[in-house]
């Protein structure tokens, strides 16, 4: 028997920068809210990037959950991808993803920071001439500094030093909290 896939057509355009800091802040808050809803349901996106964020008449919509991972199934055990597999778009991956380690919600939050950087600057935070060079940039290099008029501390999220351990990445959540506080 053939399988039938039902899909909805979304009207919108991929989000892109540069944009003013207020528009970027609002977009980042909407992305964080949508991602928070996915995480609350046990879903990791694992491929958050501007091309997977659509601007629609009602705001931001996250799309392309093709690499998404359920953190637990109905019976409770964690579902696993092939150990060591590198999945996602290199320029937006968290360092642990770029190295083939397990991703969790904080990895998606790192990707929000990389998207926010691009919304503010119009350029990718992590660049390389090849896939491997881009992965190296994510793991070992700080993104170029970008001057913006407001919320400049939030663009620091992607480059927190030379491949920090996940527990040390507390500022990414603080950035979203500071953006919310200024609403």
N, C-alpha and C. Protein backbone atom coordinates (compact mmCIF):
# COMPACT_ATOMS: atom_id res chain seq x y z
N UNK A 1 0.85 -1.17 0.00
CA UNK A 1 0.00 0.00 0.00
C UNK A 1 0.90 1.24 0.00
N UNK A 2 0.57 2.24 -0.78
CA UNK A 2 1.36 3.47 -0.88
C UNK A 2 1.04 4.39 0.29
N UNK A 3 2.06 5.07 0.77
CA UNK A 3 1.87 6.04 1.85
C UNK A 3 1.47 7.38 1.25
N UNK A 4 0.63 8.08 1.95
CA UNK A 4 0.21 9.40 1.51
C UNK A 4 0.70 10.40 2.54
N UNK A 5 1.36 11.43 2.07
CA UNK A 5 1.86 12.48 2.95
C UNK A 5 1.01 13.72 2.76
N UNK A 6 0.49 14.24 3.86
CA UNK A 6 -0.31 15.45 3.80
C UNK A 6 0.58 16.61 4.25
N UNK A 7 0.63 17.67 3.48
CA UNK A 7 1.46 18.82 3.81
C UNK A 7 0.64 20.09 3.68
N UNK A 8 1.05 21.09 4.40
CA UNK A 8 0.43 22.41 4.32
C UNK A 8 1.35 23.33 3.54
N UNK A 9 0.80 24.18 2.73
CA UNK A 9 1.59 25.18 2.02
C UNK A 9 1.68 26.42 2.90
N UNK A 10 2.90 26.85 3.16
CA UNK A 10 3.12 28.04 3.97
C UNK A 10 3.48 29.20 3.06
N UNK A 11 2.87 30.34 3.32
CA UNK A 11 3.23 31.53 2.59
C UNK A 11 4.15 32.35 3.47
N UNK A 12 5.33 32.64 2.96
CA UNK A 12 6.29 33.42 3.71
C UNK A 12 7.62 33.42 2.99
N UNK A 13 8.54 34.20 3.50
CA UNK A 13 9.88 34.27 2.92
C UNK A 13 10.89 33.97 4.00
N UNK A 14 12.01 33.34 3.63
CA UNK A 14 13.05 33.09 4.64
C UNK A 14 13.54 34.40 5.25
N UNK A 15 13.78 34.37 6.52
CA UNK A 15 14.26 35.55 7.23
C UNK A 15 15.69 35.84 6.79
N UNK A 16 16.03 37.10 6.66
CA UNK A 16 17.40 37.43 6.27
C UNK A 16 17.79 38.80 6.83
N UNK A 17 19.08 38.96 7.01
CA UNK A 17 19.61 40.23 7.48
C UNK A 17 20.40 40.89 6.38
N UNK A 18 20.90 42.08 6.59
CA UNK A 18 20.82 42.75 7.89
C UNK A 18 19.46 43.42 8.09
N UNK A 19 19.11 43.55 9.34
CA UNK A 19 17.90 44.29 9.71
C UNK A 19 18.24 45.11 10.94
N UNK A 20 17.41 46.10 11.24
CA UNK A 20 17.70 46.93 12.41
C UNK A 20 17.59 46.08 13.67
N UNK A 21 18.22 46.56 14.73
CA UNK A 21 18.32 45.76 15.95
C UNK A 21 16.96 45.44 16.56
N UNK A 22 16.00 46.33 16.46
CA UNK A 22 14.67 46.06 17.02
C UNK A 22 13.97 44.94 16.25
N UNK A 23 14.04 44.97 14.92
CA UNK A 23 13.44 43.90 14.12
C UNK A 23 14.14 42.58 14.40
N UNK A 24 15.46 42.61 14.55
CA UNK A 24 16.21 41.39 14.85
C UNK A 24 15.83 40.85 16.23
N UNK A 25 15.65 41.75 17.20
CA UNK A 25 15.26 41.34 18.55
C UNK A 25 13.89 40.68 18.53
N UNK A 26 12.95 41.29 17.84
CA UNK A 26 11.59 40.72 17.75
C UNK A 26 11.64 39.37 17.04
N UNK A 27 12.37 39.29 15.94
CA UNK A 27 12.51 38.02 15.22
C UNK A 27 13.13 36.95 16.09
N UNK A 28 14.20 37.31 16.82
CA UNK A 28 14.87 36.34 17.68
C UNK A 28 13.95 35.85 18.80
N UNK A 29 13.15 36.76 19.35
CA UNK A 29 12.19 36.36 20.39
C UNK A 29 11.17 35.38 19.84
N UNK A 30 10.68 35.64 18.63
CA UNK A 30 9.70 34.73 18.02
C UNK A 30 10.34 33.38 17.71
N UNK A 31 11.57 33.40 17.22
CA UNK A 31 12.29 32.13 16.96
C UNK A 31 12.46 31.38 18.27
N UNK A 32 12.91 32.08 19.31
CA UNK A 32 13.11 31.43 20.62
C UNK A 32 11.80 30.87 21.16
N UNK A 33 10.70 31.60 20.97
CA UNK A 33 9.40 31.11 21.44
C UNK A 33 8.97 29.85 20.71
N UNK A 34 9.14 29.84 19.38
CA UNK A 34 8.78 28.65 18.60
C UNK A 34 9.68 27.48 18.97
N UNK A 35 10.95 27.75 19.15
CA UNK A 35 11.89 26.70 19.53
C UNK A 35 11.56 26.18 20.93
N UNK A 36 11.20 27.09 21.82
CA UNK A 36 10.80 26.68 23.18
C UNK A 36 9.59 25.76 23.15
N UNK A 37 8.64 26.05 22.27
CA UNK A 37 7.45 25.19 22.14
C UNK A 37 7.85 23.81 21.64
N UNK A 38 8.78 23.75 20.68
CA UNK A 38 9.26 22.45 20.18
C UNK A 38 10.00 21.70 21.28
N UNK A 39 10.86 22.40 22.01
CA UNK A 39 11.62 21.75 23.09
C UNK A 39 10.68 21.24 24.19
N UNK A 40 9.62 21.99 24.47
CA UNK A 40 8.66 21.55 25.50
C UNK A 40 7.98 20.24 25.10
N UNK A 41 7.93 19.97 23.80
CA UNK A 41 7.34 18.73 23.30
C UNK A 41 8.40 17.65 23.06
N UNK A 42 9.63 17.94 23.50
CA UNK A 42 10.70 16.95 23.37
C UNK A 42 11.30 16.88 21.97
N UNK A 43 11.23 17.98 21.21
CA UNK A 43 11.74 17.98 19.84
C UNK A 43 12.93 18.93 19.74
N UNK A 44 14.06 18.42 19.27
CA UNK A 44 15.22 19.25 18.94
C UNK A 44 15.19 19.50 17.44
N UNK A 45 15.39 20.73 17.01
CA UNK A 45 15.36 21.04 15.58
C UNK A 45 16.63 20.54 14.90
N UNK A 46 17.78 20.87 15.41
CA UNK A 46 19.12 20.48 14.95
C UNK A 46 19.54 21.05 13.61
N UNK A 47 18.74 21.91 12.98
CA UNK A 47 19.16 22.54 11.73
C UNK A 47 18.55 23.94 11.61
N UNK A 48 18.59 24.67 12.72
CA UNK A 48 18.05 26.02 12.71
C UNK A 48 19.00 26.94 11.95
N UNK A 49 18.48 27.64 10.96
CA UNK A 49 19.24 28.57 10.12
C UNK A 49 18.24 29.51 9.48
N UNK A 50 18.69 30.63 8.92
CA UNK A 50 17.73 31.58 8.33
C UNK A 50 16.82 30.95 7.28
N UNK A 51 17.31 30.02 6.49
CA UNK A 51 16.48 29.39 5.47
C UNK A 51 15.37 28.52 6.03
N UNK A 52 15.46 28.19 7.32
CA UNK A 52 14.42 27.37 7.97
C UNK A 52 13.54 28.21 8.89
N UNK A 53 13.61 29.52 8.73
CA UNK A 53 12.77 30.44 9.48
C UNK A 53 12.04 31.31 8.46
N UNK A 54 10.73 31.17 8.39
CA UNK A 54 9.94 31.95 7.45
C UNK A 54 9.27 33.13 8.15
N UNK A 55 9.30 34.28 7.47
CA UNK A 55 8.53 35.44 7.93
C UNK A 55 7.17 35.33 7.25
N UNK A 56 6.14 35.22 8.04
CA UNK A 56 4.78 35.12 7.51
C UNK A 56 3.97 36.31 8.00
N UNK A 57 2.75 36.41 7.55
CA UNK A 57 1.88 37.51 7.97
C UNK A 57 1.67 37.50 9.48
N UNK A 58 1.74 36.33 10.10
CA UNK A 58 1.50 36.24 11.54
C UNK A 58 2.80 36.20 12.35
N UNK A 59 3.94 36.35 11.71
CA UNK A 59 5.21 36.33 12.44
C UNK A 59 6.13 35.26 11.89
N UNK A 60 6.98 34.75 12.76
CA UNK A 60 8.00 33.76 12.39
C UNK A 60 7.44 32.36 12.48
N UNK A 61 7.78 31.52 11.50
CA UNK A 61 7.42 30.10 11.52
C UNK A 61 8.68 29.28 11.28
N UNK A 62 8.95 28.31 12.15
CA UNK A 62 10.07 27.40 11.94
C UNK A 62 9.63 26.29 11.01
N UNK A 63 10.47 25.96 10.04
CA UNK A 63 10.16 24.91 9.08
C UNK A 63 11.33 23.93 8.99
N UNK A 64 11.13 22.90 8.19
CA UNK A 64 12.13 21.87 7.91
C UNK A 64 12.64 21.18 9.16
N UNK A 65 11.81 20.35 9.70
CA UNK A 65 12.18 19.54 10.85
C UNK A 65 12.72 18.17 10.41
N UNK A 66 13.30 18.14 9.21
CA UNK A 66 13.81 16.89 8.65
C UNK A 66 14.94 16.26 9.45
N UNK A 67 15.72 17.06 10.17
CA UNK A 67 16.80 16.53 11.01
C UNK A 67 16.42 16.55 12.48
N UNK A 68 15.17 16.88 12.76
CA UNK A 68 14.72 16.96 14.15
C UNK A 68 14.88 15.62 14.84
N UNK A 69 15.01 15.71 16.15
CA UNK A 69 15.19 14.51 16.96
C UNK A 69 14.23 14.59 18.15
N UNK A 70 13.55 13.49 18.39
CA UNK A 70 12.74 13.39 19.60
C UNK A 70 13.67 13.03 20.74
N UNK A 71 13.56 13.74 21.85
CA UNK A 71 14.45 13.45 22.97
C UNK A 71 14.01 12.21 23.73
N UNK A 72 12.73 11.87 23.64
CA UNK A 72 12.24 10.64 24.27
C UNK A 72 10.96 10.23 23.55
N UNK A 73 10.76 8.93 23.41
CA UNK A 73 9.51 8.49 22.80
C UNK A 73 8.47 8.24 23.88
N UNK A 74 7.34 7.75 23.50
CA UNK A 74 6.24 7.57 24.44
C UNK A 74 6.59 6.62 25.58
N UNK A 75 7.50 5.68 25.32
CA UNK A 75 7.89 4.73 26.36
C UNK A 75 8.99 5.27 27.26
N UNK A 76 9.56 6.42 26.93
CA UNK A 76 10.54 7.04 27.80
C UNK A 76 12.00 6.97 27.39
N UNK A 77 12.49 5.92 26.72
CA UNK A 77 13.93 5.90 26.44
C UNK A 77 14.32 6.93 25.39
N UNK A 78 15.53 7.43 25.52
CA UNK A 78 16.03 8.41 24.56
C UNK A 78 16.27 7.77 23.22
N UNK A 79 15.87 8.47 22.17
CA UNK A 79 16.12 7.99 20.81
C UNK A 79 17.49 8.54 20.39
N UNK A 80 18.27 7.75 19.67
CA UNK A 80 19.62 8.16 19.30
C UNK A 80 19.83 8.11 17.80
N UNK A 81 20.62 9.08 17.34
CA UNK A 81 21.10 9.08 15.97
C UNK A 81 22.41 8.30 15.98
N UNK A 82 22.88 7.89 14.84
CA UNK A 82 24.16 7.21 14.74
C UNK A 82 25.22 7.98 15.49
N UNK A 83 25.89 7.39 16.50
CA UNK A 83 26.90 8.12 17.27
C UNK A 83 27.99 8.69 16.36
N UNK A 84 28.35 9.94 16.61
CA UNK A 84 29.39 10.60 15.84
C UNK A 84 28.92 11.23 14.55
N UNK A 85 27.64 11.08 14.22
CA UNK A 85 27.13 11.67 12.98
C UNK A 85 27.07 13.18 13.11
N UNK A 86 27.49 13.89 12.08
CA UNK A 86 27.42 15.35 12.05
C UNK A 86 26.25 15.72 11.17
N UNK A 87 25.18 16.27 11.79
CA UNK A 87 23.95 16.61 11.07
C UNK A 87 23.64 18.08 11.25
N UNK A 88 23.25 18.73 10.19
CA UNK A 88 22.87 20.13 10.26
C UNK A 88 23.64 20.93 9.24
N UNK A 89 23.48 22.24 9.31
CA UNK A 89 24.18 23.16 8.42
C UNK A 89 25.37 23.72 9.17
N UNK A 90 26.55 23.50 8.67
CA UNK A 90 27.80 23.77 9.38
C UNK A 90 27.87 25.15 10.01
N UNK A 91 27.51 26.19 9.30
CA UNK A 91 27.68 27.56 9.80
C UNK A 91 26.79 27.88 10.99
N UNK A 92 25.80 27.06 11.27
CA UNK A 92 24.85 27.33 12.36
C UNK A 92 24.90 26.29 13.46
N UNK A 93 25.77 25.30 13.33
CA UNK A 93 25.88 24.23 14.33
C UNK A 93 26.56 24.72 15.60
N UNK A 94 26.17 24.13 16.70
CA UNK A 94 26.90 24.34 17.94
C UNK A 94 28.20 23.54 17.86
N UNK A 95 29.23 23.96 18.60
CA UNK A 95 30.51 23.24 18.54
C UNK A 95 30.39 21.74 18.81
N UNK A 96 29.54 21.33 19.74
CA UNK A 96 29.43 19.90 20.03
C UNK A 96 28.83 19.14 18.84
N UNK A 97 27.91 19.77 18.11
CA UNK A 97 27.37 19.14 16.90
C UNK A 97 28.45 19.03 15.84
N UNK A 98 29.23 20.10 15.68
CA UNK A 98 30.29 20.12 14.66
C UNK A 98 31.34 19.03 14.92
N UNK A 99 31.46 18.61 16.16
CA UNK A 99 32.42 17.57 16.53
C UNK A 99 31.79 16.18 16.60
N UNK A 100 30.51 16.08 16.29
CA UNK A 100 29.85 14.79 16.27
C UNK A 100 29.32 14.34 17.62
N UNK A 101 29.29 15.24 18.60
CA UNK A 101 28.74 14.90 19.91
C UNK A 101 27.23 15.11 19.91
N UNK A 102 26.56 14.61 20.91
CA UNK A 102 25.11 14.71 21.01
C UNK A 102 24.67 16.16 21.15
N UNK A 103 23.59 16.48 20.49
CA UNK A 103 22.98 17.80 20.59
C UNK A 103 21.87 17.75 21.62
N UNK A 104 21.60 18.90 22.23
CA UNK A 104 20.44 19.02 23.11
C UNK A 104 19.85 20.41 22.90
N UNK A 105 18.93 20.81 23.73
CA UNK A 105 18.24 22.09 23.54
C UNK A 105 19.23 23.25 23.48
N UNK A 106 20.32 23.17 24.24
CA UNK A 106 21.30 24.25 24.22
C UNK A 106 21.98 24.38 22.86
N UNK A 107 22.08 23.29 22.13
CA UNK A 107 22.64 23.34 20.77
C UNK A 107 21.74 24.18 19.87
N UNK A 108 20.43 23.98 19.99
CA UNK A 108 19.49 24.79 19.21
C UNK A 108 19.58 26.27 19.62
N UNK A 109 19.77 26.54 20.90
CA UNK A 109 19.89 27.92 21.37
C UNK A 109 21.14 28.57 20.78
N UNK A 110 22.22 27.82 20.70
CA UNK A 110 23.43 28.33 20.04
C UNK A 110 23.11 28.73 18.61
N UNK A 111 22.34 27.91 17.92
CA UNK A 111 21.96 28.22 16.54
C UNK A 111 21.13 29.49 16.45
N UNK A 112 20.27 29.73 17.46
CA UNK A 112 19.51 30.99 17.50
C UNK A 112 20.50 32.16 17.55
N UNK A 113 21.56 32.02 18.33
CA UNK A 113 22.57 33.07 18.40
C UNK A 113 23.24 33.31 17.07
N UNK A 114 23.54 32.23 16.35
CA UNK A 114 24.16 32.37 15.02
C UNK A 114 23.20 33.03 14.04
N UNK A 115 21.92 32.71 14.13
CA UNK A 115 20.91 33.35 13.28
C UNK A 115 20.78 34.83 13.65
N UNK A 116 20.74 35.13 14.95
CA UNK A 116 20.64 36.52 15.40
C UNK A 116 21.83 37.33 14.90
N UNK A 117 23.02 36.77 14.98
CA UNK A 117 24.22 37.44 14.46
C UNK A 117 24.01 37.82 12.99
N UNK A 118 23.50 36.87 12.21
CA UNK A 118 23.28 37.12 10.78
C UNK A 118 22.18 38.15 10.54
N UNK A 119 21.14 38.13 11.39
CA UNK A 119 20.08 39.12 11.24
C UNK A 119 20.60 40.52 11.49
N UNK A 120 21.52 40.65 12.45
CA UNK A 120 22.07 41.96 12.77
C UNK A 120 23.14 42.42 11.79
N UNK A 121 23.94 41.48 11.30
CA UNK A 121 25.11 41.85 10.49
C UNK A 121 24.92 41.65 8.99
N UNK A 122 24.03 40.75 8.61
CA UNK A 122 23.89 40.40 7.20
C UNK A 122 24.92 39.39 6.73
N UNK A 123 25.74 38.89 7.64
CA UNK A 123 26.79 37.91 7.29
C UNK A 123 26.77 36.75 8.27
N UNK A 124 27.24 35.62 7.83
CA UNK A 124 27.32 34.46 8.73
C UNK A 124 28.36 34.70 9.82
N UNK A 125 28.07 34.21 11.00
CA UNK A 125 29.02 34.33 12.10
C UNK A 125 30.25 33.45 11.86
N UNK A 126 30.04 32.28 11.29
CA UNK A 126 31.11 31.32 11.07
C UNK A 126 31.21 31.02 9.59
N UNK A 127 32.39 31.30 9.03
CA UNK A 127 32.58 31.15 7.59
C UNK A 127 33.84 30.35 7.32
N UNK A 128 33.84 29.67 6.19
CA UNK A 128 35.01 28.94 5.73
C UNK A 128 34.90 28.67 4.25
N UNK A 129 36.03 28.41 3.63
CA UNK A 129 36.05 28.16 2.19
C UNK A 129 35.51 26.77 1.84
N UNK A 130 35.37 25.91 2.83
CA UNK A 130 34.86 24.56 2.61
C UNK A 130 34.05 24.14 3.83
N UNK A 131 33.40 23.02 3.73
CA UNK A 131 32.64 22.48 4.86
C UNK A 131 33.54 22.30 6.07
N UNK A 132 34.70 21.69 5.88
CA UNK A 132 35.61 21.45 7.01
C UNK A 132 36.14 22.75 7.60
N UNK A 133 36.42 23.74 6.76
CA UNK A 133 36.89 25.03 7.25
C UNK A 133 35.79 25.73 8.06
N UNK A 134 34.55 25.58 7.64
CA UNK A 134 33.43 26.17 8.38
C UNK A 134 33.26 25.47 9.72
N UNK A 135 33.34 24.15 9.74
CA UNK A 135 33.25 23.41 11.00
C UNK A 135 34.38 23.83 11.94
N UNK A 136 35.58 24.02 11.40
CA UNK A 136 36.72 24.47 12.20
C UNK A 136 36.44 25.85 12.78
N UNK A 137 35.85 26.74 12.00
CA UNK A 137 35.51 28.08 12.48
C UNK A 137 34.53 28.01 13.64
N UNK A 138 33.54 27.13 13.54
CA UNK A 138 32.55 26.97 14.61
C UNK A 138 33.23 26.50 15.89
N UNK A 139 34.15 25.57 15.76
CA UNK A 139 34.77 24.95 16.93
C UNK A 139 35.87 25.82 17.54
N UNK A 140 36.63 26.52 16.70
CA UNK A 140 37.86 27.15 17.19
C UNK A 140 37.94 28.67 17.11
N UNK A 141 37.04 29.32 16.44
CA UNK A 141 37.21 30.76 16.20
C UNK A 141 36.03 31.59 16.66
N UNK A 142 36.32 32.82 17.03
CA UNK A 142 35.28 33.80 17.36
C UNK A 142 34.76 34.41 16.06
N UNK A 143 33.48 34.74 16.00
CA UNK A 143 33.00 35.45 14.80
C UNK A 143 33.50 36.89 14.82
N UNK A 144 33.55 37.53 13.67
CA UNK A 144 33.95 38.93 13.63
C UNK A 144 32.99 39.78 14.47
N UNK A 145 33.51 40.82 15.09
CA UNK A 145 32.69 41.73 15.88
C UNK A 145 31.83 42.57 14.95
N UNK A 146 30.60 42.77 15.37
CA UNK A 146 29.65 43.58 14.60
C UNK A 146 29.11 44.65 15.54
N UNK A 147 29.15 45.90 15.10
CA UNK A 147 28.60 46.99 15.90
C UNK A 147 27.13 47.18 15.57
N UNK A 148 26.29 47.18 16.59
CA UNK A 148 24.87 47.48 16.42
C UNK A 148 24.48 48.46 17.51
N UNK A 149 23.40 49.16 17.32
CA UNK A 149 23.02 50.23 18.25
C UNK A 149 22.41 49.72 19.55
N UNK A 150 21.70 48.61 19.53
CA UNK A 150 21.04 48.11 20.74
C UNK A 150 21.20 46.60 20.84
N UNK A 151 21.22 46.10 22.04
CA UNK A 151 21.32 44.67 22.31
C UNK A 151 22.60 44.07 21.72
N UNK A 152 23.68 44.84 21.69
CA UNK A 152 24.93 44.36 21.09
C UNK A 152 25.49 43.16 21.82
N UNK A 153 25.21 43.05 23.12
CA UNK A 153 25.73 41.91 23.86
C UNK A 153 25.16 40.59 23.36
N UNK A 154 24.00 40.61 22.73
CA UNK A 154 23.38 39.37 22.28
C UNK A 154 24.10 38.73 21.09
N UNK A 155 24.87 39.50 20.33
CA UNK A 155 25.55 38.89 19.19
C UNK A 155 26.78 38.13 19.63
N UNK A 156 27.11 38.18 20.91
CA UNK A 156 28.24 37.42 21.41
C UNK A 156 27.90 35.94 21.58
N UNK A 157 26.64 35.58 21.54
CA UNK A 157 26.22 34.21 21.82
C UNK A 157 26.97 33.16 21.01
N UNK A 158 27.09 33.31 19.66
CA UNK A 158 27.75 32.24 18.90
C UNK A 158 29.20 32.02 19.27
N UNK A 159 29.97 33.06 19.55
CA UNK A 159 31.40 32.90 19.76
C UNK A 159 31.78 33.03 21.21
N UNK A 160 31.66 31.95 21.94
CA UNK A 160 31.95 32.01 23.35
C UNK A 160 33.28 31.33 23.66
N UNK A 161 34.25 31.57 22.84
CA UNK A 161 35.56 31.02 23.09
C UNK A 161 35.80 29.77 22.28
N UNK A 162 36.88 29.13 22.59
CA UNK A 162 37.32 27.96 21.83
C UNK A 162 36.58 26.72 22.30
N UNK A 163 35.47 26.44 21.62
CA UNK A 163 34.67 25.24 21.87
C UNK A 163 34.34 25.05 23.35
N UNK A 164 33.52 25.94 23.93
CA UNK A 164 33.20 25.80 25.35
C UNK A 164 32.39 24.54 25.63
N UNK A 165 32.52 24.05 26.84
CA UNK A 165 31.68 22.93 27.27
C UNK A 165 30.25 23.43 27.35
N UNK A 166 29.30 22.57 27.09
CA UNK A 166 27.90 22.99 27.06
C UNK A 166 27.48 23.66 28.38
N UNK A 167 27.82 23.12 29.57
CA UNK A 167 27.34 23.77 30.79
C UNK A 167 27.84 25.19 30.96
N UNK A 168 28.96 25.57 30.33
CA UNK A 168 29.50 26.91 30.46
C UNK A 168 28.81 27.90 29.55
N UNK A 169 27.84 27.47 28.77
CA UNK A 169 27.21 28.34 27.79
C UNK A 169 25.97 29.00 28.37
N UNK A 170 26.03 29.49 29.58
CA UNK A 170 24.87 30.07 30.23
C UNK A 170 24.42 31.39 29.66
N UNK A 171 25.30 32.14 29.01
CA UNK A 171 24.93 33.46 28.52
C UNK A 171 23.89 33.41 27.43
N UNK A 172 23.78 32.32 26.68
CA UNK A 172 22.83 32.30 25.58
C UNK A 172 21.40 32.43 26.09
N UNK A 173 21.08 31.76 27.17
CA UNK A 173 19.75 31.91 27.76
C UNK A 173 19.56 33.29 28.35
N UNK A 174 20.64 33.85 28.91
CA UNK A 174 20.58 35.20 29.47
C UNK A 174 20.31 36.24 28.41
N UNK A 175 20.84 36.03 27.22
CA UNK A 175 20.61 36.96 26.13
C UNK A 175 19.12 37.03 25.81
N UNK A 176 18.49 35.88 25.70
CA UNK A 176 17.05 35.85 25.40
C UNK A 176 16.29 36.50 26.55
N UNK A 177 16.71 36.23 27.79
CA UNK A 177 16.03 36.83 28.94
C UNK A 177 16.18 38.35 28.92
N UNK A 178 17.37 38.86 28.56
CA UNK A 178 17.55 40.31 28.49
C UNK A 178 16.71 40.92 27.39
N UNK A 179 16.59 40.22 26.26
CA UNK A 179 15.76 40.74 25.17
C UNK A 179 14.30 40.80 25.63
N UNK A 180 13.84 39.75 26.35
CA UNK A 180 12.47 39.74 26.83
C UNK A 180 12.24 40.86 27.85
N UNK A 181 13.23 41.09 28.71
CA UNK A 181 13.11 42.10 29.74
C UNK A 181 12.94 43.49 29.17
N UNK A 182 13.44 43.71 27.97
CA UNK A 182 13.35 45.04 27.38
C UNK A 182 12.05 45.24 26.61
N UNK A 183 11.18 44.23 26.55
CA UNK A 183 9.89 44.39 25.86
C UNK A 183 9.02 45.39 26.57
